[in-house]
Amino acid sequence: MKKVKAVFLLLMPYFKKAGLPMVYTGSLLLIIGYILSWTNANVFLGICALLVITGSIVHVLCLKHKSKY
């Protein structure tokens, strides 16, 4: 358990800055998937949606944490 906590604390500064890049990556993958006609692949669409939603949540949480109010 101590190793998991150590890894989590080590990656936390990078995770805080990962919100918008996750959203951009998910959006870019959706555009590429549309161009390549991968719109019927549920796994691909699920991964893209997961990236966009998780990135949005991380970004909002980081903004709320930095805010004084």
C-alpha atoms as a PDB file:
ATOM      1  CA  MET A   1       0.000   0.000   0.000  1.00  0.00           C
ATOM      2  CA  LYS A   2       2.887   2.335   0.688  1.00  0.00           C
ATOM      3  CA  LYS A   3       4.164   1.860  -2.852  1.00  0.00           C
ATOM      4  CA  VAL A   4       0.803   2.838  -4.321  1.00  0.00           C
ATOM      5  CA  LYS A   5       0.700   5.980  -2.199  1.00  0.00           C
ATOM      6  CA  ALA A   6       4.269   6.860  -3.172  1.00  0.00           C
ATOM      7  CA  VAL A   7       3.492   6.457  -6.877  1.00  0.00           C
ATOM      8  CA  PHE A   8       0.302   8.494  -6.482  1.00  0.00           C
ATOM      9  CA  LEU A   9       2.155  11.323  -4.748  1.00  0.00           C
ATOM     10  CA  LEU A  10       4.878  11.213  -7.386  1.00  0.00           C
ATOM     11  CA  LEU A  11       2.400  11.507 -10.272  1.00  0.00           C
ATOM     12  CA  MET A  12       0.052  14.045  -8.659  1.00  0.00           C
ATOM     13  CA  PRO A  13       1.752  17.196 -10.055  1.00  0.00           C
ATOM     14  CA  TYR A  14       1.519  15.767 -13.564  1.00  0.00           C
ATOM     15  CA  PHE A  15      -2.068  14.629 -13.108  1.00  0.00           C
ATOM     16  CA  LYS A  16      -3.132  18.162 -12.164  1.00  0.00           C
ATOM     17  CA  LYS A  17      -1.882  19.464 -15.502  1.00  0.00           C
ATOM     18  CA  ALA A  18      -3.376  16.625 -17.545  1.00  0.00           C
ATOM     19  CA  GLY A  19      -6.988  17.850 -17.749  1.00  0.00           C
ATOM     20  CA  LEU A  20      -6.929  19.893 -20.929  1.00  0.00           C
ATOM     21  CA  PRO A  21      -4.474  17.625 -22.785  1.00  0.00           C
ATOM     22  CA  MET A  22      -6.827  14.703 -22.096  1.00  0.00           C
ATOM     23  CA  VAL A  23      -9.751  16.650 -23.551  1.00  0.00           C
ATOM     24  CA  TYR A  24      -7.702  17.681 -26.583  1.00  0.00           C
ATOM     25  CA  THR A  25      -6.469  14.125 -27.130  1.00  0.00           C
ATOM     26  CA  GLY A  26      -9.977  12.683 -26.929  1.00  0.00           C
ATOM     27  CA  SER A  27     -11.326  15.296 -29.321  1.00  0.00           C
ATOM     28  CA  LEU A  28      -8.488  14.794 -31.778  1.00  0.00           C
ATOM     29  CA  LEU A  29      -8.984  11.026 -31.676  1.00  0.00           C
ATOM     30  CA  LEU A  30     -12.703  11.506 -32.377  1.00  0.00           C
ATOM     31  CA  ILE A  31     -11.908  13.649 -35.420  1.00  0.00           C
ATOM     32  CA  ILE A  32      -9.354  11.124 -36.680  1.00  0.00           C
ATOM     33  CA  GLY A  33     -11.813   8.287 -36.059  1.00  0.00           C
ATOM     34  CA  TYR A  34     -14.493  10.095 -38.030  1.00  0.00           C
ATOM     35  CA  ILE A  35     -12.113  10.649 -40.948  1.00  0.00           C
ATOM     36  CA  LEU A  36     -11.080   6.984 -40.907  1.00  0.00           C
ATOM     37  CA  SER A  37     -14.700   5.775 -40.461  1.00  0.00           C
ATOM     38  CA  TRP A  38     -14.153   4.183 -37.051  1.00  0.00           C
ATOM     39  CA  THR A  39     -17.509   5.464 -35.786  1.00  0.00           C
ATOM     40  CA  ASN A  40     -18.931   1.952 -35.368  1.00  0.00           C
ATOM     41  CA  ALA A  41     -16.212   0.798 -32.955  1.00  0.00           C
ATOM     42  CA  ASN A  42     -17.673   1.068 -29.465  1.00  0.00           C
ATOM     43  CA  VAL A  43     -14.342   0.558 -27.703  1.00  0.00           C
ATOM     44  CA  PHE A  44     -12.741   3.415 -29.630  1.00  0.00           C
ATOM     45  CA  LEU A  45     -15.658   5.753 -28.999  1.00  0.00           C
ATOM     46  CA  GLY A  46     -15.735   4.753 -25.334  1.00  0.00           C
ATOM     47  CA  ILE A  47     -12.050   5.512 -24.877  1.00  0.00           C
ATOM     48  CA  CYS A  48     -12.471   8.898 -26.546  1.00  0.00           C
ATOM     49  CA  ALA A  49     -15.495   9.708 -24.400  1.00  0.00           C
ATOM     50  CA  LEU A  50     -13.647   8.586 -21.269  1.00  0.00           C
ATOM     51  CA  LEU A  51     -10.715  10.860 -22.135  1.00  0.00           C
ATOM     52  CA  VAL A  52     -12.956  13.868 -22.731  1.00  0.00           C
ATOM     53  CA  ILE A  53     -15.112  13.363 -19.629  1.00  0.00           C
ATOM     54  CA  THR A  54     -12.212  12.542 -17.312  1.00  0.00           C
ATOM     55  CA  GLY A  55     -10.182  15.449 -18.663  1.00  0.00           C
ATOM     56  CA  SER A  56     -13.073  17.826 -18.110  1.00  0.00           C
ATOM     57  CA  ILE A  57     -13.554  16.650 -14.536  1.00  0.00           C
ATOM     58  CA  VAL A  58      -9.835  16.889 -13.744  1.00  0.00           C
ATOM     59  CA  HIS A  59      -9.631  20.367 -15.249  1.00  0.00           C
ATOM     60  CA  VAL A  60     -12.636  21.665 -13.296  1.00  0.00           C
ATOM     61  CA  LEU A  61     -11.400  20.142 -10.035  1.00  0.00           C
ATOM     62  CA  CYS A  62      -7.987  21.725 -10.503  1.00  0.00           C
ATOM     63  CA  LEU A  63      -9.569  25.113 -11.222  1.00  0.00           C
ATOM     64  CA  LYS A  64     -11.749  24.843  -8.119  1.00  0.00           C
ATOM     65  CA  HIS A  65      -8.774  23.817  -6.012  1.00  0.00           C
ATOM     66  CA  LYS A  66      -6.704  26.826  -7.177  1.00  0.00           C
ATOM     67  CA  SER A  67      -9.552  29.303  -6.640  1.00  0.00           C
ATOM     68  CA  LYS A  68      -9.669  31.412  -3.481  1.00  0.00           C
ATOM     69  CA  TYR A  69     -13.454  31.172  -3.256  1.00  0.00           C
END
